[in-house]
Amino acid sequence: MRYVFFAVLGYLAGSIPFAYIAGKLKGIDLTKTGSGNLGTSNVFHQVGKVPGVAVFFADCAKIGILLLLMRLTGAGMWEESLAATGVIAGHNWSVFTRFKGGRGMTVTLIASGILMPWETLFILGILGYGFFTKALALFCGVSLLTWPVLAIIHGQHFSRVFFALSALMLGVARRLQGSPELDKRPALISTKELIISRLLYDREPHARV
């Protein structure tokens, strides 16, 4: 029951939809605008730079504060990993927005920085390369694949390997789900092309961000 408690606690914390709130304050439903993603990038492009930065730090806080408080109160490695996994799930499928959400990269990165700091430095290098080559979405996917590999190679505790594998599966599931509300693809776009666009580029074929 202790493990279940922390997983549910993480899910509820992750479900706080800061991006959705930022959009609504400006009269914008982000689930139907831009990429349809309730995350920092969509806020930045559709709402504004300042709200985008605010949402980024708010999303960092909801995972960072939870894990740091757990560590201060003596929570074990499994409790931390389950709570972190719960936060990603809540962020991706928030109970407060009819199970719509973001892609989970921000919360995954912050959680990884706390749980697996050395591996996270390598991941930051991958993301940095993706940013400067303007292929960030693609290299976010590469990062998801890399996390469990690094955890295994570095001999991390199985709870950390579990977290990394869970982050990969949740990230892939969210990408494949896409944003059906924005599915306005031309008739010539096949289902295969749609899946490739979502999986590799994390967007609908017509979406800009």
N, C-alpha and C. Protein backbone atom coordinates (compact mmCIF):
# COMPACT_ATOMS: atom_id res chain seq x y z
N MET A 1 0.82 -1.21 0.00
CA MET A 1 0.00 0.00 0.00
C MET A 1 0.86 1.26 0.00
N ARG A 2 2.03 1.18 0.62
CA ARG A 2 2.92 2.34 0.63
C ARG A 2 3.35 2.70 -0.79
N TYR A 3 3.67 1.69 -1.60
CA TYR A 3 4.06 1.94 -2.98
C TYR A 3 2.90 2.55 -3.77
N VAL A 4 1.72 2.01 -3.57
CA VAL A 4 0.53 2.53 -4.26
C VAL A 4 0.28 3.98 -3.87
N PHE A 5 0.43 4.29 -2.59
CA PHE A 5 0.22 5.66 -2.10
C PHE A 5 1.12 6.64 -2.83
N PHE A 6 2.40 6.33 -2.94
CA PHE A 6 3.33 7.26 -3.57
C PHE A 6 3.12 7.35 -5.07
N ALA A 7 2.72 6.26 -5.70
CA ALA A 7 2.42 6.30 -7.14
C ALA A 7 1.21 7.20 -7.40
N VAL A 8 0.18 7.06 -6.58
CA VAL A 8 -1.03 7.89 -6.73
C VAL A 8 -0.72 9.35 -6.39
N LEU A 9 0.07 9.56 -5.34
CA LEU A 9 0.47 10.92 -4.97
C LEU A 9 1.21 11.59 -6.13
N GLY A 10 2.12 10.85 -6.76
CA GLY A 10 2.84 11.38 -7.90
C GLY A 10 1.91 11.69 -9.06
N TYR A 11 0.95 10.79 -9.30
CA TYR A 11 0.01 11.02 -10.39
C TYR A 11 -0.80 12.30 -10.18
N LEU A 12 -1.27 12.50 -8.97
CA LEU A 12 -2.08 13.70 -8.68
C LEU A 12 -1.24 14.97 -8.79
N ALA A 13 0.00 14.90 -8.33
CA ALA A 13 0.89 16.07 -8.46
C ALA A 13 1.17 16.36 -9.94
N GLY A 14 1.44 15.31 -10.70
CA GLY A 14 1.70 15.49 -12.12
C GLY A 14 0.51 15.98 -12.90
N SER A 15 -0.69 15.70 -12.40
CA SER A 15 -1.92 16.07 -13.10
C SER A 15 -2.22 17.56 -13.05
N ILE A 16 -1.55 18.31 -12.18
CA ILE A 16 -1.82 19.74 -12.10
C ILE A 16 -1.50 20.36 -13.46
N PRO A 17 -2.51 20.87 -14.18
CA PRO A 17 -2.32 21.27 -15.59
C PRO A 17 -1.92 22.74 -15.75
N PHE A 18 -0.69 23.05 -15.41
CA PHE A 18 -0.25 24.44 -15.47
C PHE A 18 -0.38 25.02 -16.87
N ALA A 19 -0.06 24.24 -17.89
CA ALA A 19 -0.15 24.72 -19.27
C ALA A 19 -1.60 25.04 -19.64
N TYR A 20 -2.50 24.15 -19.26
CA TYR A 20 -3.92 24.36 -19.56
C TYR A 20 -4.43 25.63 -18.88
N ILE A 21 -4.02 25.82 -17.63
CA ILE A 21 -4.44 27.00 -16.87
C ILE A 21 -3.90 28.27 -17.54
N ALA A 22 -2.63 28.24 -17.96
CA ALA A 22 -2.03 29.40 -18.61
C ALA A 22 -2.78 29.76 -19.89
N GLY A 23 -3.18 28.76 -20.64
CA GLY A 23 -3.94 29.01 -21.85
C GLY A 23 -5.31 29.58 -21.56
N LYS A 24 -6.00 29.00 -20.59
CA LYS A 24 -7.35 29.45 -20.26
C LYS A 24 -7.36 30.89 -19.75
N LEU A 25 -6.29 31.29 -19.05
CA LEU A 25 -6.21 32.68 -18.57
C LEU A 25 -6.18 33.67 -19.72
N LYS A 26 -5.75 33.20 -20.89
CA LYS A 26 -5.72 34.03 -22.10
C LYS A 26 -6.87 33.70 -23.04
N GLY A 27 -7.79 32.86 -22.58
CA GLY A 27 -8.93 32.47 -23.41
C GLY A 27 -8.59 31.49 -24.51
N ILE A 28 -7.52 30.70 -24.31
CA ILE A 28 -7.07 29.75 -25.33
C ILE A 28 -7.15 28.33 -24.80
N ASP A 29 -7.77 27.45 -25.58
CA ASP A 29 -7.79 26.02 -25.23
C ASP A 29 -6.64 25.36 -25.97
N LEU A 30 -5.56 25.10 -25.26
CA LEU A 30 -4.36 24.57 -25.90
C LEU A 30 -4.53 23.16 -26.45
N THR A 31 -5.55 22.45 -26.00
CA THR A 31 -5.77 21.11 -26.55
C THR A 31 -6.28 21.17 -27.98
N LYS A 32 -6.71 22.37 -28.41
CA LYS A 32 -7.25 22.54 -29.76
C LYS A 32 -6.46 23.58 -30.56
N THR A 33 -5.29 23.93 -30.04
CA THR A 33 -4.50 24.99 -30.67
C THR A 33 -3.05 24.55 -30.81
N GLY A 34 -2.40 24.98 -31.89
CA GLY A 34 -1.00 24.64 -32.09
C GLY A 34 -0.80 23.14 -32.23
N SER A 35 0.02 22.59 -31.34
CA SER A 35 0.30 21.15 -31.36
C SER A 35 -0.75 20.35 -30.61
N GLY A 36 -1.62 21.04 -29.86
CA GLY A 36 -2.59 20.34 -29.02
C GLY A 36 -1.99 19.81 -27.75
N ASN A 37 -0.74 20.14 -27.52
CA ASN A 37 0.02 19.62 -26.39
C ASN A 37 -0.07 20.57 -25.20
N LEU A 38 -0.36 20.03 -24.02
CA LEU A 38 -0.40 20.85 -22.80
C LEU A 38 0.99 20.87 -22.17
N GLY A 39 1.89 21.53 -22.87
CA GLY A 39 3.27 21.61 -22.39
C GLY A 39 3.87 22.97 -22.66
N THR A 40 5.11 23.13 -22.24
CA THR A 40 5.80 24.42 -22.32
C THR A 40 5.87 24.95 -23.74
N SER A 41 6.23 24.10 -24.69
CA SER A 41 6.41 24.57 -26.07
C SER A 41 5.14 25.17 -26.64
N ASN A 42 4.02 24.49 -26.43
CA ASN A 42 2.76 25.00 -26.97
C ASN A 42 2.34 26.30 -26.28
N VAL A 43 2.59 26.40 -24.99
CA VAL A 43 2.30 27.65 -24.27
C VAL A 43 3.18 28.77 -24.84
N PHE A 44 4.45 28.47 -25.03
CA PHE A 44 5.40 29.46 -25.53
C PHE A 44 4.96 30.02 -26.89
N HIS A 45 4.52 29.13 -27.78
CA HIS A 45 4.15 29.55 -29.13
C HIS A 45 2.75 30.14 -29.21
N GLN A 46 1.81 29.63 -28.42
CA GLN A 46 0.42 30.04 -28.57
C GLN A 46 -0.03 31.09 -27.56
N VAL A 47 0.61 31.14 -26.41
CA VAL A 47 0.19 32.07 -25.35
C VAL A 47 1.20 33.20 -25.17
N GLY A 48 2.49 32.88 -25.12
CA GLY A 48 3.50 33.91 -24.95
C GLY A 48 4.74 33.39 -24.27
N LYS A 49 5.82 34.15 -24.38
CA LYS A 49 7.09 33.73 -23.82
C LYS A 49 7.06 33.69 -22.30
N VAL A 50 6.53 34.74 -21.70
CA VAL A 50 6.50 34.80 -20.23
C VAL A 50 5.67 33.66 -19.64
N PRO A 51 4.43 33.45 -20.12
CA PRO A 51 3.67 32.29 -19.62
C PRO A 51 4.39 30.97 -19.88
N GLY A 52 5.08 30.87 -21.03
CA GLY A 52 5.81 29.64 -21.34
C GLY A 52 6.90 29.36 -20.33
N VAL A 53 7.66 30.40 -19.97
CA VAL A 53 8.71 30.24 -18.96
C VAL A 53 8.11 29.89 -17.61
N ALA A 54 7.00 30.55 -17.27
CA ALA A 54 6.33 30.28 -15.98
C ALA A 54 5.85 28.84 -15.89
N VAL A 55 5.28 28.34 -16.98
CA VAL A 55 4.79 26.96 -17.00
C VAL A 55 5.96 25.99 -16.90
N PHE A 56 7.06 26.30 -17.56
CA PHE A 56 8.24 25.43 -17.48
C PHE A 56 8.69 25.26 -16.03
N PHE A 57 8.83 26.38 -15.31
CA PHE A 57 9.29 26.30 -13.92
C PHE A 57 8.24 25.67 -13.01
N ALA A 58 6.98 25.89 -13.32
CA ALA A 58 5.91 25.27 -12.51
C ALA A 58 5.93 23.75 -12.68
N ASP A 59 6.14 23.29 -13.92
CA ASP A 59 6.22 21.85 -14.16
C ASP A 59 7.46 21.25 -13.49
N CYS A 60 8.56 22.00 -13.52
CA CYS A 60 9.77 21.55 -12.82
C CYS A 60 9.49 21.41 -11.33
N ALA A 61 8.77 22.39 -10.78
CA ALA A 61 8.52 22.41 -9.34
C ALA A 61 7.64 21.25 -8.89
N LYS A 62 6.66 20.87 -9.72
CA LYS A 62 5.72 19.85 -9.24
C LYS A 62 6.38 18.47 -9.10
N ILE A 63 7.43 18.22 -9.84
CA ILE A 63 8.16 16.98 -9.68
C ILE A 63 9.34 17.17 -8.73
N GLY A 64 10.04 18.30 -8.85
CA GLY A 64 11.22 18.53 -8.03
C GLY A 64 10.90 18.63 -6.55
N ILE A 65 9.88 19.41 -6.22
CA ILE A 65 9.52 19.58 -4.81
C ILE A 65 9.06 18.27 -4.20
N LEU A 66 8.25 17.52 -4.95
CA LEU A 66 7.74 16.24 -4.43
C LEU A 66 8.90 15.29 -4.11
N LEU A 67 9.82 15.12 -5.05
CA LEU A 67 10.92 14.18 -4.84
C LEU A 67 11.87 14.65 -3.74
N LEU A 68 12.13 15.94 -3.68
CA LEU A 68 13.02 16.45 -2.64
C LEU A 68 12.39 16.30 -1.26
N LEU A 69 11.10 16.53 -1.15
CA LEU A 69 10.42 16.33 0.14
C LEU A 69 10.43 14.86 0.54
N MET A 70 10.24 13.99 -0.44
CA MET A 70 10.28 12.55 -0.15
C MET A 70 11.67 12.15 0.33
N ARG A 71 12.68 12.70 -0.30
CA ARG A 71 14.05 12.37 0.11
C ARG A 71 14.34 12.87 1.52
N LEU A 72 13.84 14.06 1.84
CA LEU A 72 14.07 14.63 3.17
C LEU A 72 13.35 13.84 4.26
N THR A 73 12.24 13.22 3.88
CA THR A 73 11.47 12.44 4.87
C THR A 73 11.86 10.97 4.89
N GLY A 74 12.92 10.62 4.15
CA GLY A 74 13.45 9.27 4.22
C GLY A 74 12.77 8.24 3.35
N ALA A 75 12.11 8.67 2.28
CA ALA A 75 11.47 7.71 1.38
C ALA A 75 12.54 6.86 0.69
N GLY A 76 12.19 5.63 0.39
CA GLY A 76 13.12 4.71 -0.24
C GLY A 76 13.22 4.91 -1.74
N MET A 77 14.12 4.16 -2.37
CA MET A 77 14.37 4.30 -3.80
C MET A 77 13.15 3.90 -4.63
N TRP A 78 12.46 2.84 -4.20
CA TRP A 78 11.28 2.42 -4.94
C TRP A 78 10.16 3.45 -4.83
N GLU A 79 9.99 4.03 -3.64
CA GLU A 79 8.96 5.06 -3.46
C GLU A 79 9.23 6.25 -4.37
N GLU A 80 10.50 6.67 -4.43
CA GLU A 80 10.87 7.81 -5.29
C GLU A 80 10.60 7.49 -6.76
N SER A 81 11.01 6.31 -7.18
CA SER A 81 10.85 5.95 -8.59
C SER A 81 9.39 5.82 -8.98
N LEU A 82 8.58 5.25 -8.10
CA LEU A 82 7.15 5.11 -8.38
C LEU A 82 6.45 6.47 -8.40
N ALA A 83 6.83 7.35 -7.48
CA ALA A 83 6.24 8.69 -7.46
C ALA A 83 6.61 9.45 -8.73
N ALA A 84 7.88 9.33 -9.15
CA ALA A 84 8.33 10.02 -10.36
C ALA A 84 7.58 9.49 -11.59
N THR A 85 7.41 8.18 -11.66
CA THR A 85 6.65 7.59 -12.76
C THR A 85 5.21 8.08 -12.75
N GLY A 86 4.63 8.18 -11.54
CA GLY A 86 3.27 8.69 -11.41
C GLY A 86 3.14 10.12 -11.89
N VAL A 87 4.14 10.94 -11.61
CA VAL A 87 4.11 12.33 -12.06
C VAL A 87 4.08 12.41 -13.59
N ILE A 88 4.92 11.59 -14.24
CA ILE A 88 4.94 11.58 -15.71
C ILE A 88 3.58 11.17 -16.25
N ALA A 89 3.00 10.13 -15.68
CA ALA A 89 1.69 9.67 -16.14
C ALA A 89 0.63 10.75 -15.93
N GLY A 90 0.67 11.41 -14.78
CA GLY A 90 -0.29 12.47 -14.51
C GLY A 90 -0.12 13.65 -15.44
N HIS A 91 1.12 14.00 -15.72
CA HIS A 91 1.38 15.11 -16.64
C HIS A 91 0.89 14.79 -18.05
N ASN A 92 1.09 13.55 -18.47
CA ASN A 92 0.69 13.14 -19.82
C ASN A 92 -0.81 12.94 -19.97
N TRP A 93 -1.45 12.46 -18.90
CA TRP A 93 -2.89 12.18 -18.93
C TRP A 93 -3.52 12.70 -17.64
N SER A 94 -3.71 14.00 -17.59
CA SER A 94 -4.19 14.64 -16.36
C SER A 94 -5.65 14.32 -16.08
N VAL A 95 -5.93 13.96 -14.85
CA VAL A 95 -7.30 13.68 -14.45
C VAL A 95 -8.15 14.94 -14.46
N PHE A 96 -7.50 16.10 -14.43
CA PHE A 96 -8.22 17.37 -14.39
C PHE A 96 -8.56 17.93 -15.77
N THR A 97 -8.02 17.32 -16.83
CA THR A 97 -8.29 17.81 -18.18
C THR A 97 -8.79 16.68 -19.08
N ARG A 98 -9.57 15.80 -18.48
CA ARG A 98 -10.13 14.67 -19.21
C ARG A 98 -9.04 13.82 -19.86
N PHE A 99 -7.97 13.64 -19.11
CA PHE A 99 -6.85 12.76 -19.48
C PHE A 99 -6.11 13.24 -20.74
N LYS A 100 -6.07 14.55 -20.91
CA LYS A 100 -5.21 15.16 -21.92
C LYS A 100 -4.03 15.79 -21.19
N GLY A 101 -2.92 15.95 -21.90
CA GLY A 101 -1.77 16.50 -21.21
C GLY A 101 -0.61 16.80 -22.12
N GLY A 102 0.57 16.87 -21.51
CA GLY A 102 1.79 17.17 -22.25
C GLY A 102 2.49 15.91 -22.68
N ARG A 103 3.76 16.05 -23.02
CA ARG A 103 4.55 14.90 -23.46
C ARG A 103 5.47 14.37 -22.36
N GLY A 104 5.60 15.13 -21.29
CA GLY A 104 6.31 14.63 -20.11
C GLY A 104 7.81 14.79 -20.10
N MET A 105 8.40 15.47 -21.10
CA MET A 105 9.86 15.56 -21.15
C MET A 105 10.42 16.41 -20.01
N THR A 106 9.75 17.51 -19.69
CA THR A 106 10.26 18.38 -18.63
C THR A 106 10.28 17.65 -17.30
N VAL A 107 9.16 17.03 -16.94
CA VAL A 107 9.10 16.34 -15.65
C VAL A 107 10.02 15.12 -15.63
N THR A 108 10.15 14.44 -16.77
CA THR A 108 11.07 13.31 -16.85
C THR A 108 12.51 13.76 -16.63
N LEU A 109 12.88 14.86 -17.24
CA LEU A 109 14.24 15.37 -17.13
C LEU A 109 14.56 15.78 -15.69
N ILE A 110 13.63 16.48 -15.04
CA ILE A 110 13.86 16.91 -13.66
C ILE A 110 13.93 15.69 -12.73
N ALA A 111 13.02 14.74 -12.93
CA ALA A 111 13.04 13.53 -12.10
C ALA A 111 14.35 12.78 -12.29
N SER A 112 14.80 12.67 -13.55
CA SER A 112 16.05 11.98 -13.83
C SER A 112 17.23 12.70 -13.19
N GLY A 113 17.18 14.04 -13.19
CA GLY A 113 18.26 14.81 -12.58
C GLY A 113 18.40 14.53 -11.10
N ILE A 114 17.29 14.22 -10.45
CA ILE A 114 17.31 13.92 -9.01
C ILE A 114 17.64 12.45 -8.76
N LEU A 115 17.06 11.57 -9.57
CA LEU A 115 17.24 10.13 -9.35
C LEU A 115 18.52 9.58 -9.97
N MET A 116 18.89 10.13 -11.13
CA MET A 116 20.06 9.61 -11.86
C MET A 116 20.85 10.80 -12.43
N PRO A 117 21.53 11.56 -11.59
CA PRO A 117 22.17 12.81 -12.05
C PRO A 117 23.24 12.62 -13.13
N TRP A 118 24.07 11.58 -13.04
CA TRP A 118 25.14 11.41 -14.03
C TRP A 118 24.58 11.05 -15.39
N GLU A 119 23.59 10.18 -15.40
CA GLU A 119 22.95 9.83 -16.67
C GLU A 119 22.27 11.05 -17.29
N THR A 120 21.74 11.91 -16.44
CA THR A 120 21.03 13.09 -16.94
C THR A 120 21.97 14.05 -17.64
N LEU A 121 23.21 14.13 -17.20
CA LEU A 121 24.19 14.99 -17.88
C LEU A 121 24.38 14.55 -19.33
N PHE A 122 24.43 13.25 -19.54
CA PHE A 122 24.57 12.73 -20.90
C PHE A 122 23.32 13.07 -21.72
N ILE A 123 22.16 12.90 -21.09
CA ILE A 123 20.89 13.22 -21.77
C ILE A 123 20.84 14.69 -22.16
N LEU A 124 21.32 15.56 -21.28
CA LEU A 124 21.33 16.99 -21.59
C LEU A 124 22.18 17.28 -22.83
N GLY A 125 23.24 16.53 -22.99
CA GLY A 125 24.06 16.68 -24.19
C GLY A 125 23.27 16.33 -25.44
N ILE A 126 22.51 15.25 -25.37
CA ILE A 126 21.68 14.85 -26.51
C ILE A 126 20.63 15.92 -26.82
N LEU A 127 19.96 16.40 -25.78
CA LEU A 127 18.93 17.41 -25.97
C LEU A 127 19.52 18.73 -26.48
N GLY A 128 20.71 19.06 -25.97
CA GLY A 128 21.38 20.27 -26.44
C GLY A 128 21.68 20.19 -27.93
N TYR A 129 22.16 19.03 -28.37
CA TYR A 129 22.43 18.84 -29.79
C TYR A 129 21.14 18.97 -30.59
N GLY A 130 20.06 18.39 -30.09
CA GLY A 130 18.78 18.48 -30.78
C GLY A 130 18.29 19.92 -30.87
N PHE A 131 18.53 20.69 -29.81
CA PHE A 131 18.10 22.09 -29.79
C PHE A 131 18.86 22.90 -30.84
N PHE A 132 20.17 22.75 -30.89
CA PHE A 132 20.97 23.57 -31.80
C PHE A 132 20.84 23.13 -33.25
N THR A 133 20.42 21.89 -33.48
CA THR A 133 20.19 21.43 -34.86
C THR A 133 18.72 21.55 -35.26
N LYS A 134 17.93 22.15 -34.39
CA LYS A 134 16.50 22.36 -34.64
C LYS A 134 15.76 21.05 -34.89
N ALA A 135 16.18 20.02 -34.18
CA ALA A 135 15.52 18.72 -34.28
C ALA A 135 15.24 18.20 -32.87
N LEU A 136 14.77 19.11 -32.00
CA LEU A 136 14.61 18.77 -30.59
C LEU A 136 13.62 17.63 -30.38
N ALA A 137 12.50 17.65 -31.08
CA ALA A 137 11.50 16.60 -30.89
C ALA A 137 12.08 15.23 -31.20
N LEU A 138 12.86 15.15 -32.28
CA LEU A 138 13.48 13.88 -32.65
C LEU A 138 14.44 13.41 -31.57
N PHE A 139 15.27 14.34 -31.05
CA PHE A 139 16.27 13.94 -30.07
C PHE A 139 15.67 13.76 -28.67
N CYS A 140 14.48 14.30 -28.44
CA CYS A 140 13.76 13.93 -27.22
C CYS A 140 13.41 12.45 -27.26
N GLY A 141 13.02 11.98 -28.44
CA GLY A 141 12.76 10.55 -28.61
C GLY A 141 14.00 9.72 -28.41
N VAL A 142 15.12 10.20 -28.94
CA VAL A 142 16.40 9.50 -28.74
C VAL A 142 16.74 9.44 -27.26
N SER A 143 16.47 10.53 -26.54
CA SER A 143 16.74 10.57 -25.11
C SER A 143 15.91 9.54 -24.36
N LEU A 144 14.65 9.40 -24.73
CA LEU A 144 13.79 8.42 -24.09
C LEU A 144 14.36 7.01 -24.24
N LEU A 145 14.89 6.72 -25.43
CA LEU A 145 15.49 5.41 -25.67
C LEU A 145 16.80 5.24 -24.90
N THR A 146 17.50 6.34 -24.70
CA THR A 146 18.82 6.29 -24.07
C THR A 146 18.76 6.11 -22.57
N TRP A 147 17.73 6.66 -21.92
CA TRP A 147 17.64 6.62 -20.46
C TRP A 147 17.79 5.20 -19.89
N PRO A 148 16.97 4.23 -20.30
CA PRO A 148 17.12 2.89 -19.70
C PRO A 148 18.45 2.23 -20.04
N VAL A 149 18.98 2.51 -21.24
CA VAL A 149 20.28 1.94 -21.62
C VAL A 149 21.36 2.44 -20.66
N LEU A 150 21.37 3.75 -20.39
CA LEU A 150 22.35 4.32 -19.48
C LEU A 150 22.18 3.77 -18.06
N ALA A 151 20.93 3.63 -17.63
CA ALA A 151 20.67 3.12 -16.29
C ALA A 151 21.22 1.71 -16.11
N ILE A 152 21.06 0.90 -17.15
CA ILE A 152 21.55 -0.48 -17.09
C ILE A 152 23.08 -0.51 -17.15
N ILE A 153 23.65 0.26 -18.08
CA ILE A 153 25.11 0.27 -18.25
C ILE A 153 25.81 0.75 -16.97
N HIS A 154 25.23 1.74 -16.32
CA HIS A 154 25.85 2.31 -15.11
C HIS A 154 25.52 1.51 -13.85
N GLY A 155 24.79 0.41 -14.00
CA GLY A 155 24.50 -0.44 -12.86
C GLY A 155 23.58 0.19 -11.84
N GLN A 156 22.63 0.98 -12.31
CA GLN A 156 21.69 1.62 -11.39
C GLN A 156 20.80 0.57 -10.69
N HIS A 157 20.31 0.95 -9.52
CA HIS A 157 19.36 0.11 -8.80
C HIS A 157 18.17 -0.20 -9.70
N PHE A 158 17.58 -1.39 -9.54
CA PHE A 158 16.49 -1.80 -10.43
C PHE A 158 15.33 -0.82 -10.40
N SER A 159 15.12 -0.13 -9.29
CA SER A 159 14.04 0.85 -9.22
C SER A 159 14.28 1.99 -10.20
N ARG A 160 15.56 2.36 -10.40
CA ARG A 160 15.89 3.41 -11.36
C ARG A 160 15.75 2.91 -12.80
N VAL A 161 16.11 1.65 -13.02
CA VAL A 161 15.91 1.06 -14.35
C VAL A 161 14.41 1.02 -14.66
N PHE A 162 13.62 0.67 -13.65
CA PHE A 162 12.16 0.65 -13.80
C PHE A 162 11.66 2.04 -14.18
N PHE A 163 12.15 3.07 -13.50
CA PHE A 163 11.74 4.44 -13.81
C PHE A 163 12.08 4.80 -15.25
N ALA A 164 13.31 4.48 -15.68
CA ALA A 164 13.75 4.83 -17.03
C ALA A 164 12.93 4.09 -18.09
N LEU A 165 12.66 2.81 -17.85
CA LEU A 165 11.84 2.05 -18.79
C LEU A 165 10.41 2.58 -18.82
N SER A 166 9.89 2.94 -17.65
CA SER A 166 8.54 3.49 -17.59
C SER A 166 8.45 4.82 -18.32
N ALA A 167 9.48 5.66 -18.14
CA ALA A 167 9.51 6.95 -18.85
C ALA A 167 9.50 6.73 -20.36
N LEU A 168 10.26 5.74 -20.82
CA LEU A 168 10.29 5.41 -22.25
C LEU A 168 8.91 4.98 -22.73
N MET A 169 8.28 4.04 -22.02
CA MET A 169 6.98 3.52 -22.46
C MET A 169 5.90 4.59 -22.42
N LEU A 170 5.89 5.42 -21.36
CA LEU A 170 4.90 6.47 -21.26
C LEU A 170 5.11 7.54 -22.34
N GLY A 171 6.38 7.84 -22.61
CA GLY A 171 6.68 8.82 -23.64
C GLY A 171 6.26 8.36 -25.02
N VAL A 172 6.56 7.10 -25.34
CA VAL A 172 6.19 6.55 -26.64
C VAL A 172 4.67 6.48 -26.77
N ALA A 173 3.99 6.05 -25.71
CA ALA A 173 2.54 5.95 -25.74
C ALA A 173 1.90 7.32 -25.98
N ARG A 174 2.46 8.35 -25.33
CA ARG A 174 1.89 9.70 -25.50
C ARG A 174 2.15 10.23 -26.90
N ARG A 175 3.31 9.95 -27.44
CA ARG A 175 3.60 10.38 -28.81
C ARG A 175 2.67 9.69 -29.81
N LEU A 176 2.49 8.40 -29.65
CA LEU A 176 1.63 7.67 -30.58
C LEU A 176 0.17 8.12 -30.47
N GLN A 177 -0.23 8.50 -29.28
CA GLN A 177 -1.60 9.00 -29.10
C GLN A 177 -1.82 10.28 -29.89
N GLY A 178 -0.81 11.14 -29.91
CA GLY A 178 -0.90 12.39 -30.65
C GLY A 178 -1.98 13.30 -30.13
N SER A 179 -2.49 14.14 -31.01
CA SER A 179 -3.56 15.08 -30.67
C SER A 179 -4.68 14.88 -31.69
N PRO A 180 -5.55 13.90 -31.46
CA PRO A 180 -6.59 13.57 -32.44
C PRO A 180 -7.49 14.76 -32.80
N GLU A 181 -7.65 15.71 -31.86
CA GLU A 181 -8.50 16.86 -32.12
C GLU A 181 -7.96 17.70 -33.28
N LEU A 182 -6.65 17.57 -33.54
CA LEU A 182 -6.01 18.35 -34.59
C LEU A 182 -5.76 17.54 -35.85
N ASP A 183 -6.33 16.36 -35.91
CA ASP A 183 -6.09 15.47 -37.05
C ASP A 183 -6.89 15.96 -38.26
N LYS A 184 -6.28 16.86 -39.02
CA LYS A 184 -6.89 17.40 -40.24
C LYS A 184 -6.02 17.06 -41.44
N ARG A 185 -5.46 15.88 -41.39
CA ARG A 185 -4.51 15.47 -42.42
C ARG A 185 -5.19 15.36 -43.79
N PRO A 186 -4.48 15.69 -44.83
CA PRO A 186 -5.00 15.48 -46.19
C PRO A 186 -5.27 14.00 -46.43
N ALA A 187 -6.12 13.71 -47.36
CA ALA A 187 -6.50 12.33 -47.64
C ALA A 187 -5.29 11.49 -48.05
N LEU A 188 -4.26 12.14 -48.63
CA LEU A 188 -3.09 11.40 -49.10
C LEU A 188 -2.16 10.98 -47.96
N ILE A 189 -2.36 11.52 -46.76
CA ILE A 189 -1.53 11.13 -45.62
C ILE A 189 -2.02 9.80 -45.08
N SER A 190 -1.19 8.79 -45.15
CA SER A 190 -1.59 7.45 -44.70
C SER A 190 -1.44 7.33 -43.19
N THR A 191 -2.02 6.27 -42.65
CA THR A 191 -1.89 6.00 -41.23
C THR A 191 -0.43 5.78 -40.85
N LYS A 192 0.32 5.12 -41.73
CA LYS A 192 1.75 4.90 -41.48
C LYS A 192 2.50 6.22 -41.37
N GLU A 193 2.21 7.15 -42.27
CA GLU A 193 2.87 8.45 -42.24
C GLU A 193 2.48 9.23 -40.99
N LEU A 194 1.22 9.07 -40.57
CA LEU A 194 0.75 9.74 -39.35
C LEU A 194 1.51 9.22 -38.13
N ILE A 195 1.66 7.91 -38.04
CA ILE A 195 2.37 7.30 -36.91
C ILE A 195 3.83 7.74 -36.89
N ILE A 196 4.47 7.76 -38.06
CA ILE A 196 5.87 8.18 -38.14
C ILE A 196 6.01 9.63 -37.70
N SER A 197 5.09 10.49 -38.14
CA SER A 197 5.14 11.90 -37.76
C SER A 197 5.00 12.06 -36.26
N ARG A 198 4.08 11.31 -35.66
CA ARG A 198 3.88 11.40 -34.21
C ARG A 198 5.07 10.82 -33.46
N LEU A 199 5.56 9.67 -33.89
CA LEU A 199 6.60 8.98 -33.15
C LEU A 199 7.95 9.70 -33.26
N LEU A 200 8.32 10.14 -34.45
CA LEU A 200 9.63 10.76 -34.65
C LEU A 200 9.63 12.26 -34.36
N TYR A 201 8.56 12.94 -34.81
CA TYR A 201 8.55 14.40 -34.72
C TYR A 201 7.58 14.94 -33.67
N ASP A 202 6.83 14.02 -33.03
CA ASP A 202 5.95 14.37 -31.92
C ASP A 202 4.93 15.43 -32.31
N ARG A 203 4.32 15.26 -33.47
CA ARG A 203 3.30 16.23 -33.89
C ARG A 203 2.43 15.62 -34.97
N GLU A 204 1.27 16.25 -35.20
CA GLU A 204 0.44 15.88 -36.31
C GLU A 204 1.14 16.36 -37.60
N PRO A 205 0.87 15.73 -38.74
CA PRO A 205 1.59 16.09 -39.96
C PRO A 205 1.48 17.57 -40.33
N HIS A 206 0.35 18.21 -39.98
CA HIS A 206 0.14 19.60 -40.37
C HIS A 206 0.57 20.59 -39.31
N ALA A 207 0.81 20.09 -38.07
CA ALA A 207 1.06 21.00 -36.94
C ALA A 207 2.43 21.64 -37.05
N ARG A 208 2.55 22.85 -36.54
CA ARG A 208 3.79 23.59 -36.63
C ARG A 208 4.70 23.41 -35.41
N VAL A 209 4.12 23.13 -34.23
CA VAL A 209 4.92 22.97 -33.02
C VAL A 209 4.48 21.73 -32.29
